[in-house]
Amino acid sequence: MSSLLQARFYGILDTQYVIPSKMGVIADQLLRGGIDILQLRAKDSSEEEIIMMGKQILPLTQAAKVPFIINDYPHIVPIVGAQGVHLGQEDLDVREARAMLGKEALIGLSTHSLEQVEKSLELQPDYIGFGPLFSTPTKPQYDPIGLQHIARAQERVSFPVFCIGGITLATLPQVVQARAQRIVMVSALLKDENRVELISQIKQKFLT
């Protein structure tokens, strides 16, 4: 399995953009492009549907040696055989998820401010998401936090910080200029028909 510390490009398979029957096809494209971590996010799906989709995706991530993360549901992780869970601020506490899944599991946490980044030091997730940097249709309920705190967030914690929210090929140069080391891309990636080429281009040009 590839190292979390080496990961630069985090992809999310979101049912807001990908129908369940296409999950395997899109997952394969993202992995062939060179995505470093892959998450399944299915906010409006039942647990049974998430398990079904997860079991479609898992063999692909295993073959690519890429960590597979389930959003929101730590108890689904061992059922699917995924490597970890990603939690929001209102979800199960990171420490409870760690007790449930064990020290080998990857546990990620969303943060939306420097205050929440500071709080994550107590919780000790394996990585955090930091954003949304820009307005994003994926999470319209959150106000964008901008780029000015990226460097500080990365300096404050020892675990990886993945910048997220409204990142596109057009906004990526600003994100990199703000010293972001790792990114998450959702809608821009899932809506692009040339995903394999887009990931490869981004990794070669911006994330080396």
Protein backbone atom coordinates (compact mmCIF):
# COMPACT_ATOMS: atom_id res chain seq x y z
CA MET A 1 0.00 0.00 0.00
CA SER A 2 1.34 3.44 -0.90
CA SER A 3 2.44 5.73 1.92
CA LEU A 4 0.12 8.43 3.17
CA LEU A 5 3.12 10.72 3.60
CA GLN A 6 3.94 10.36 -0.09
CA ALA A 7 0.36 11.09 -1.21
CA ARG A 8 -0.23 14.39 -2.99
CA PHE A 9 -3.51 13.96 -4.89
CA TYR A 10 -6.64 12.75 -3.08
CA GLY A 11 -9.66 11.78 -5.15
CA ILE A 12 -13.26 11.47 -3.99
CA LEU A 13 -15.92 9.37 -5.67
CA ASP A 14 -19.01 11.39 -4.77
CA THR A 15 -22.52 10.14 -5.57
CA GLN A 16 -23.46 13.76 -6.20
CA TYR A 17 -21.56 13.38 -9.49
CA VAL A 18 -21.19 9.62 -10.06
CA ILE A 19 -24.13 7.21 -10.18
CA PRO A 20 -23.57 3.93 -8.31
CA SER A 21 -23.47 1.82 -11.47
CA LYS A 22 -20.52 3.90 -12.78
CA MET A 23 -18.45 3.78 -9.59
CA GLY A 24 -16.18 0.99 -10.79
CA VAL A 25 -15.54 2.63 -14.17
CA ILE A 26 -14.74 6.05 -12.71
CA ALA A 27 -12.63 4.55 -9.91
CA ASP A 28 -10.58 2.68 -12.51
CA GLN A 29 -10.00 5.91 -14.45
CA LEU A 30 -8.89 7.84 -11.36
CA LEU A 31 -6.51 5.08 -10.37
CA ARG A 32 -5.06 4.78 -13.86
CA GLY A 33 -4.48 8.54 -13.82
CA GLY A 34 -2.39 8.14 -10.67
CA ILE A 35 -4.63 9.25 -7.81
CA ASP A 36 -2.86 8.61 -4.48
CA ILE A 37 -5.87 8.06 -2.17
CA LEU A 38 -9.48 7.33 -3.07
CA GLN A 39 -12.53 8.04 -0.93
CA LEU A 40 -16.14 6.97 -1.39
CA ARG A 41 -18.55 9.71 -0.30
CA ALA A 42 -22.24 8.81 -0.56
CA LYS A 43 -24.19 11.22 1.61
CA ASP A 44 -27.65 10.23 0.38
CA SER A 45 -27.08 6.49 0.05
CA SER A 46 -28.09 3.76 2.46
CA GLU A 47 -25.45 1.79 4.32
CA GLU A 48 -26.27 -1.24 2.16
CA GLU A 49 -25.67 0.81 -0.99
CA ILE A 50 -22.38 2.14 0.37
CA ILE A 51 -21.22 -1.39 1.15
CA MET A 52 -22.18 -2.54 -2.34
CA MET A 53 -20.30 0.34 -3.99
CA GLY A 54 -17.34 -0.11 -1.66
CA LYS A 55 -17.00 -3.75 -2.62
CA GLN A 56 -16.94 -2.75 -6.30
CA ILE A 57 -14.16 -0.26 -5.70
CA LEU A 58 -11.96 -2.19 -3.27
CA PRO A 59 -10.45 -4.71 -5.75
CA LEU A 60 -9.40 -1.79 -7.97
CA THR A 61 -7.68 0.12 -5.15
CA GLN A 62 -6.02 -3.08 -3.94
CA ALA A 63 -4.62 -3.76 -7.40
CA ALA A 64 -3.34 -0.18 -7.61
CA LYS A 65 -1.99 -0.33 -4.02
CA VAL A 66 -3.91 2.86 -3.17
CA PRO A 67 -5.61 3.42 0.20
CA PHE A 68 -9.41 3.27 0.06
CA ILE A 69 -11.34 5.48 2.50
CA ILE A 70 -15.03 5.38 3.45
CA ASN A 71 -16.64 8.70 4.31
CA ASP A 72 -18.60 9.06 7.58
CA TYR A 73 -19.13 5.40 8.54
CA PRO A 74 -16.29 3.77 10.49
CA HIS A 75 -18.29 0.58 11.11
CA ILE A 76 -18.52 0.02 7.33
CA VAL A 77 -14.72 0.06 6.93
CA PRO A 78 -14.10 -3.56 8.07
CA ILE A 79 -17.19 -4.81 6.23
CA VAL A 80 -15.84 -3.48 2.93
CA GLY A 81 -12.18 -4.11 3.75
CA ALA A 82 -11.25 -0.45 3.26
CA GLN A 83 -8.15 1.10 4.84
CA GLY A 84 -9.87 3.84 6.80
CA VAL A 85 -12.57 6.43 7.37
CA HIS A 86 -12.92 10.16 6.85
CA LEU A 87 -14.87 12.08 9.48
CA GLY A 88 -16.50 15.50 9.54
CA GLN A 89 -16.61 17.84 12.52
CA GLU A 90 -20.07 16.57 13.48
CA ASP A 91 -19.26 12.88 13.06
CA LEU A 92 -17.90 10.33 15.51
CA ASP A 93 -14.89 11.55 17.50
CA VAL A 94 -11.55 10.57 15.98
CA ARG A 95 -10.54 8.83 19.19
CA GLU A 96 -13.70 6.71 19.20
CA ALA A 97 -13.09 5.77 15.57
CA ARG A 98 -9.52 4.82 16.44
CA ALA A 99 -10.74 2.59 19.27
CA MET A 100 -13.20 0.97 16.88
CA LEU A 101 -10.82 0.43 13.93
CA GLY A 102 -7.40 0.02 15.53
CA LYS A 103 -4.11 1.81 15.12
CA GLU A 104 -3.48 0.52 11.59
CA ALA A 105 -6.57 2.20 10.13
CA LEU A 106 -6.28 5.59 8.42
CA ILE A 107 -8.52 8.21 9.99
CA GLY A 108 -9.01 11.57 8.32
CA LEU A 109 -10.77 14.66 9.66
CA SER A 110 -12.28 17.66 7.90
CA THR A 111 -11.22 21.06 9.24
CA HIS A 112 -12.62 24.44 8.22
CA SER A 113 -10.52 26.90 10.22
CA LEU A 114 -7.17 27.26 11.96
CA GLU A 115 -8.99 26.73 15.26
CA GLN A 116 -10.15 23.31 14.08
CA VAL A 117 -6.64 22.53 12.85
CA GLU A 118 -5.36 23.33 16.35
CA LYS A 119 -8.04 21.07 17.86
CA SER A 120 -6.95 18.24 15.58
CA LEU A 121 -3.63 18.14 17.43
CA GLU A 122 -5.47 16.71 20.43
CA LEU A 123 -7.42 14.22 18.32
CA GLN A 124 -4.43 12.98 16.29
CA PRO A 125 -6.02 11.89 13.01
CA ASP A 126 -3.70 10.48 10.36
CA TYR A 127 -4.45 13.42 8.07
CA ILE A 128 -6.79 16.39 7.79
CA GLY A 129 -8.70 18.03 4.99
CA PHE A 130 -8.51 21.84 5.08
CA GLY A 131 -11.13 23.94 3.34
CA PRO A 132 -13.19 24.76 1.45
CA LEU A 133 -10.66 27.11 -0.08
CA PHE A 134 -13.16 28.39 -2.65
CA SER A 135 -16.92 28.22 -3.07
CA THR A 136 -17.86 24.74 -4.15
CA PRO A 137 -21.11 23.16 -5.36
CA THR A 138 -20.13 19.98 -3.53
CA LYS A 139 -20.55 21.66 -0.13
CA PRO A 140 -22.49 24.91 -0.64
CA GLN A 141 -23.28 25.18 3.09
CA TYR A 142 -19.67 26.13 3.91
CA ASP A 143 -18.23 29.60 3.39
CA PRO A 144 -14.85 29.55 1.62
CA ILE A 145 -11.89 30.12 3.94
CA GLY A 146 -9.47 31.36 1.28
CA LEU A 147 -5.80 30.63 0.79
CA GLN A 148 -4.12 32.76 3.44
CA HIS A 149 -3.99 30.09 6.16
CA ILE A 150 -2.71 27.12 4.13
CA ALA A 151 0.94 27.52 5.06
CA ARG A 152 0.12 28.03 8.74
CA ALA A 153 -2.11 24.95 8.85
CA GLN A 154 0.65 22.83 7.34
CA GLU A 155 3.28 24.20 9.70
CA ARG A 156 1.11 23.61 12.77
CA VAL A 157 0.60 19.85 12.39
CA SER A 158 2.95 16.96 11.67
CA PHE A 159 0.41 14.89 9.73
CA PRO A 160 -0.58 15.52 6.09
CA VAL A 161 -2.90 18.42 5.22
CA PHE A 162 -5.01 17.99 2.08
CA CYS A 163 -6.43 21.26 0.74
CA ILE A 164 -9.97 20.95 -0.59
CA GLY A 165 -12.87 22.93 -1.94
CA GLY A 166 -13.36 24.46 -5.38
CA ILE A 167 -9.95 23.38 -6.67
CA THR A 168 -9.90 23.24 -10.46
CA LEU A 169 -7.23 23.41 -13.12
CA ALA A 170 -7.85 27.18 -13.18
CA THR A 171 -7.56 27.72 -9.41
CA LEU A 172 -4.79 25.21 -8.78
CA PRO A 173 -1.89 27.60 -9.57
CA GLN A 174 -3.13 29.93 -6.78
CA VAL A 175 -3.37 27.00 -4.37
CA VAL A 176 0.17 25.87 -5.14
CA GLN A 177 1.44 29.45 -4.89
CA ALA A 178 -0.10 29.56 -1.40
CA ARG A 179 2.28 26.64 -0.60
CA ALA A 180 -0.26 23.83 -0.55
CA GLN A 181 1.53 20.49 -0.61
CA ARG A 182 -1.48 18.21 -1.12
CA ILE A 183 -4.87 18.66 -2.77
CA VAL A 184 -8.29 17.09 -3.06
CA MET A 185 -10.32 17.53 -6.23
CA VAL A 186 -13.96 16.49 -6.51
CA SER A 187 -16.37 18.12 -8.97
CA ALA A 188 -13.73 19.34 -11.43
CA LEU A 189 -12.29 15.87 -11.65
CA LEU A 190 -15.52 13.90 -11.77
CA LYS A 191 -17.10 16.18 -14.38
CA ASP A 192 -14.09 15.99 -16.71
CA GLU A 193 -14.30 13.24 -19.33
CA ASN A 194 -10.50 13.12 -19.64
CA ARG A 195 -9.83 12.25 -16.00
CA VAL A 196 -6.83 10.02 -16.62
CA GLU A 197 -5.00 12.73 -18.54
CA LEU A 198 -6.08 15.48 -16.13
CA ILE A 199 -4.68 13.70 -13.07
CA SER A 200 -1.44 12.88 -14.85
CA GLN A 201 -1.08 16.48 -16.04
CA ILE A 202 -1.73 17.93 -12.58
CA LYS A 203 0.69 15.57 -10.85
CA GLN A 204 3.47 16.25 -13.33
CA LYS A 205 3.01 20.03 -13.45
CA PHE A 206 1.98 20.95 -9.90
CA LEU A 207 2.54 18.09 -7.46
CA THR A 208 6.05 16.83 -8.12
